[in-house]
Amino acid sequence: MSAIRKEVVIGDCRLLLGDNRDIIASLGRVDACVSDPPYGICESAAKNRTRGNAATPGDYGHDDWDQEPADPAIIEWMLANSDWQIIFGGNYFSLPPSKCWLVWDKENGATDFADCELAWTNLDKAVRRINWMWNGMLRKGKEERFHLTQKPLGVMEWCLSHLPASVSIVLDPYAGSGTTGVACVKRRLQFIGIERERHHFDTMCRRIQDAYDRPDMFVPAPAPQPVQQPLFGEAT
């Protein structure tokens, strides 16, 4: 029996429903892994509804995905099977020293949430920071939220912008509601996403389909391919 419970291909995105521990070894090497794994700080199972200082926290379900940190074997696989990695919550995992951390300042004011979130990388550049408000209903761009630990699309696009130009295939083994995949669509990258919860998987599929159906007007169209011109009036 296949470990993949469902597979959906939308454009250059391959979306897989199932447990990444059963799937990831079959994927082979990718250019980059960009992911936000569970940190194991128990923010799931509707705990977000009790965070009284957050502005209208909402209800994102009762999943138990954050009761334990990401499986170290998956982190190790990402390091061994991709050239480049961007891993949010890197301060919660056992990872090598990094020259470049990507810092997201959430501008969330006086709350009991962290002021910033940190993404560990193996990029050969200095530490970089982005300011992007994300505090309950006070969110830059009024972006809709589908997942408790969802990252802003603009933050994920910014993360992808730091990858080398040679990167064409990005894997997120903890795809959630698919923000990394939507960012890949906008940056014309191939994407592989694995998600184990069916409702989040369905949301990812809808969001990625929508990204293809309604492309960002600011994303440049592919450059036209050169056409060989006839020489000296040669018939075509």
Protein backbone atom coordinates (compact mmCIF):
# COMPACT_ATOMS: atom_id res chain seq x y z
CA MET A 1 0.00 0.00 0.00
CA SER A 2 1.37 3.42 -0.99
CA ALA A 3 2.38 5.80 1.79
CA ILE A 4 0.94 8.62 -0.34
CA ARG A 5 -2.77 8.85 0.48
CA LYS A 6 -3.41 11.34 -2.31
CA GLU A 7 -1.33 13.10 -4.94
CA VAL A 8 -2.38 16.26 -6.76
CA VAL A 9 -0.33 17.96 -9.47
CA ILE A 10 -1.14 21.60 -10.18
CA GLY A 11 1.16 23.33 -12.66
CA ASP A 12 4.72 22.86 -11.40
CA CYS A 13 3.53 21.84 -7.92
CA ARG A 14 3.36 18.24 -6.71
CA LEU A 15 1.23 17.99 -3.56
CA LEU A 16 1.32 14.84 -1.44
CA LEU A 17 -1.05 13.85 1.36
CA GLY A 18 0.57 11.58 3.92
CA ASP A 19 3.15 11.29 6.68
CA ASN A 20 6.47 12.73 5.54
CA ARG A 21 8.32 10.00 7.44
CA ASP A 22 6.81 7.45 5.06
CA ILE A 23 7.20 9.50 1.88
CA ILE A 24 10.31 11.63 1.94
CA ALA A 25 12.91 8.92 1.23
CA SER A 26 11.21 8.17 -2.09
CA LEU A 27 11.55 11.71 -3.41
CA GLY A 28 15.23 11.87 -4.22
CA ARG A 29 17.42 14.96 -4.08
CA VAL A 30 15.99 18.48 -4.44
CA ASP A 31 17.62 21.88 -4.89
CA ALA A 32 16.29 23.42 -1.67
CA CYS A 33 14.21 22.61 1.40
CA VAL A 34 12.20 25.52 2.78
CA SER A 35 9.99 24.61 5.72
CA ASP A 36 8.39 25.55 9.02
CA PRO A 37 8.40 22.28 11.01
CA PRO A 38 6.55 21.86 14.30
CA TYR A 39 8.69 23.13 17.18
CA GLY A 40 7.13 20.97 19.89
CA ILE A 41 5.95 23.94 21.97
CA CYS A 42 2.33 22.76 22.16
CA GLU A 43 0.73 25.55 20.13
CA SER A 44 -1.71 23.10 18.49
CA ALA A 45 -4.86 21.41 19.85
CA ALA A 46 -6.67 24.80 19.93
CA LYS A 47 -4.29 26.26 22.54
CA ASN A 48 -4.25 29.44 20.46
CA ARG A 49 -7.79 30.17 21.71
CA THR A 50 -6.41 30.67 25.23
CA ARG A 51 -3.73 33.20 24.31
CA GLY A 52 -5.61 36.15 25.75
CA ASN A 53 -3.24 38.90 24.65
CA ALA A 54 -3.54 38.08 20.96
CA ALA A 55 -5.94 40.15 18.89
CA THR A 56 -8.84 37.89 17.86
CA PRO A 57 -6.78 34.69 17.74
CA GLY A 58 -9.38 32.55 15.95
CA ASP A 59 -9.77 28.79 15.92
CA TYR A 60 -7.54 26.65 13.70
CA GLY A 61 -8.64 23.23 14.87
CA HIS A 62 -7.60 20.57 17.35
CA ASP A 63 -4.72 18.89 15.51
CA ASP A 64 -1.93 17.59 17.71
CA TRP A 65 0.88 18.34 15.24
CA ASP A 66 2.82 20.58 17.66
CA GLN A 67 2.84 18.32 20.71
CA GLU A 68 6.30 17.06 19.70
CA PRO A 69 9.10 18.66 17.67
CA ALA A 70 9.79 17.59 14.11
CA ASP A 71 11.32 14.14 13.75
CA PRO A 72 15.14 14.62 13.77
CA ALA A 73 15.35 12.11 10.91
CA ILE A 74 13.39 14.49 8.67
CA ILE A 75 15.66 17.41 9.58
CA GLU A 76 18.70 15.24 8.83
CA TRP A 77 17.19 14.17 5.51
CA MET A 78 16.69 17.79 4.48
CA LEU A 79 20.31 18.61 5.27
CA ALA A 80 21.62 15.57 3.40
CA ASN A 81 19.36 15.71 0.34
CA SER A 82 19.24 19.35 -0.67
CA ASP A 83 21.86 21.93 -1.56
CA TRP A 84 20.17 24.75 0.37
CA GLN A 85 17.96 24.87 3.44
CA ILE A 86 15.78 27.47 5.15
CA ILE A 87 14.24 26.02 8.32
CA PHE A 88 12.01 28.15 10.52
CA GLY A 89 12.32 27.47 14.24
CA GLY A 90 15.96 26.53 13.75
CA ASN A 91 16.61 27.67 17.32
CA TYR A 92 14.54 24.67 18.51
CA PHE A 93 16.51 22.05 16.58
CA SER A 94 20.01 20.63 16.65
CA LEU A 95 21.55 22.27 13.59
CA PRO A 96 25.10 23.30 12.62
CA PRO A 97 26.32 26.85 13.22
CA SER A 98 24.91 29.27 10.64
CA LYS A 99 26.39 32.34 9.01
CA CYS A 100 22.95 33.52 7.89
CA TRP A 101 19.79 33.52 9.96
CA LEU A 102 16.67 35.02 8.41
CA VAL A 103 14.82 37.07 11.03
CA TRP A 104 11.14 37.90 10.76
CA ASP A 105 10.13 40.79 13.06
CA LYS A 106 6.37 40.34 13.53
CA GLU A 107 5.81 43.85 14.98
CA ASN A 108 3.27 42.29 17.31
CA GLY A 109 3.50 44.78 20.16
CA ALA A 110 2.95 43.85 23.80
CA THR A 111 1.78 40.25 23.54
CA ASP A 112 3.00 36.97 24.98
CA PHE A 113 4.09 35.83 21.52
CA ALA A 114 7.72 36.09 20.41
CA ASP A 115 8.75 39.41 18.85
CA CYS A 116 10.60 37.60 16.06
CA GLU A 117 10.84 34.20 14.45
CA LEU A 118 14.15 32.79 13.28
CA ALA A 119 14.88 30.69 10.22
CA TRP A 120 18.15 28.76 10.18
CA THR A 121 19.87 28.60 6.79
CA ASN A 122 23.06 27.31 5.23
CA LEU A 123 23.21 30.36 2.94
CA ASP A 124 26.55 32.06 2.45
CA LYS A 125 25.51 35.58 3.37
CA ALA A 126 25.01 37.80 6.40
CA VAL A 127 21.99 37.76 8.72
CA ARG A 128 18.93 39.35 7.12
CA ARG A 129 15.73 40.75 8.68
CA ILE A 130 12.25 41.58 7.43
CA ASN A 131 9.57 43.57 9.29
CA TRP A 132 6.07 42.24 8.63
CA MET A 133 3.21 42.85 11.07
CA TRP A 134 1.35 39.66 12.02
CA ASN A 135 -0.66 40.14 15.19
CA GLY A 136 -4.10 38.58 15.22
CA MET A 137 -6.31 40.69 12.94
CA LEU A 138 -3.54 43.29 12.65
CA ARG A 139 -1.76 41.83 9.66
CA LYS A 140 0.05 43.57 6.85
CA GLY A 141 -2.03 43.23 3.71
CA LYS A 142 -5.00 41.75 5.66
CA GLU A 143 -3.92 38.30 4.45
CA GLU A 144 -6.36 35.50 5.27
CA ARG A 145 -5.13 32.91 7.77
CA PHE A 146 -5.80 29.21 7.32
CA HIS A 147 -3.33 27.68 9.80
CA LEU A 148 -2.24 28.61 13.31
CA THR A 149 1.48 28.83 12.47
CA GLN A 150 1.00 30.10 8.92
CA LYS A 151 3.73 32.45 7.72
CA PRO A 152 2.84 35.56 5.69
CA LEU A 153 3.14 35.02 1.96
CA GLY A 154 5.38 38.08 1.69
CA VAL A 155 7.76 36.63 4.28
CA MET A 156 8.01 33.33 2.41
CA GLU A 157 8.58 35.10 -0.91
CA TRP A 158 11.33 37.10 0.81
CA CYS A 159 12.90 33.87 2.09
CA LEU A 160 12.86 32.33 -1.38
CA SER A 161 14.49 35.48 -2.78
CA HIS A 162 17.62 34.66 -0.77
CA LEU A 163 18.11 31.29 -2.49
CA PRO A 164 20.68 31.11 -5.31
CA ALA A 165 19.34 31.68 -8.83
CA SER A 166 20.26 28.08 -9.69
CA VAL A 167 17.46 26.72 -7.46
CA SER A 168 14.47 25.39 -9.42
CA ILE A 169 12.89 22.73 -7.16
CA VAL A 170 11.82 23.48 -3.57
CA LEU A 171 10.53 20.90 -1.08
CA ASP A 172 8.46 21.62 2.03
CA PRO A 173 7.88 18.40 4.00
CA TYR A 174 5.67 20.28 6.50
CA ALA A 175 3.57 22.13 3.94
CA GLY A 176 0.57 23.02 6.12
CA SER A 177 -1.80 25.30 4.23
CA GLY A 178 0.68 25.72 1.39
CA THR A 179 2.14 29.20 1.80
CA THR A 180 5.60 28.03 0.67
CA GLY A 181 3.98 26.52 -2.42
CA VAL A 182 2.07 29.71 -3.26
CA ALA A 183 5.32 31.68 -2.88
CA CYS A 184 7.02 29.22 -5.25
CA VAL A 185 4.26 29.72 -7.83
CA LYS A 186 4.77 33.47 -7.65
CA ARG A 187 8.52 33.07 -8.10
CA ARG A 188 8.13 30.49 -10.90
CA LEU A 189 9.75 27.66 -8.94
CA GLN A 190 8.78 24.00 -8.94
CA PHE A 191 7.36 22.87 -5.61
CA ILE A 192 6.87 19.60 -3.75
CA GLY A 193 4.70 19.79 -0.62
CA ILE A 194 3.89 17.06 1.91
CA GLU A 195 1.07 17.49 4.43
CA ARG A 196 -0.49 14.83 6.68
CA GLU A 197 -3.72 16.60 7.73
CA ARG A 198 -6.43 16.29 5.09
CA HIS A 199 -8.12 19.66 5.73
CA HIS A 200 -4.80 21.52 5.48
CA PHE A 201 -3.89 19.53 2.36
CA ASP A 202 -7.20 20.51 0.74
CA THR A 203 -6.57 24.15 1.66
CA MET A 204 -3.08 23.95 0.11
CA CYS A 205 -4.53 22.57 -3.12
CA ARG A 206 -7.13 25.37 -3.30
CA ARG A 207 -4.59 28.12 -2.58
CA ILE A 208 -2.10 26.88 -5.15
CA GLN A 209 -4.80 26.45 -7.80
CA ASP A 210 -5.94 29.99 -7.03
CA ALA A 211 -2.38 31.27 -7.40
CA TYR A 212 -2.29 29.83 -10.92
CA ASP A 213 -5.80 31.01 -11.78
CA ARG A 214 -5.14 34.56 -10.60
CA PRO A 215 -1.45 35.29 -11.23
CA ASP A 216 0.10 38.32 -9.59
CA MET A 217 0.12 41.17 -12.08
CA PHE A 218 3.55 42.16 -10.80
CA VAL A 219 5.13 38.79 -11.62
CA PRO A 220 6.86 39.25 -14.98
CA ALA A 221 5.78 36.98 -17.80
CA PRO A 222 8.41 34.61 -19.21
CA ALA A 223 10.71 36.30 -21.70
CA PRO A 224 9.90 35.40 -25.34
CA GLN A 225 12.18 32.81 -26.88
CA PRO A 226 14.49 34.03 -29.66
CA VAL A 227 13.33 33.23 -33.19
CA GLN A 228 15.80 32.44 -35.95
CA GLN A 229 15.39 34.98 -38.74
CA PRO A 230 15.80 33.96 -42.41
CA LEU A 231 18.95 35.11 -44.13
CA PHE A 232 18.93 37.18 -47.32
CA GLY A 233 15.28 36.66 -48.13
CA GLU A 234 15.44 32.89 -47.62
CA ALA A 235 12.01 31.26 -47.77
CA THR A 236 10.55 30.16 -44.45
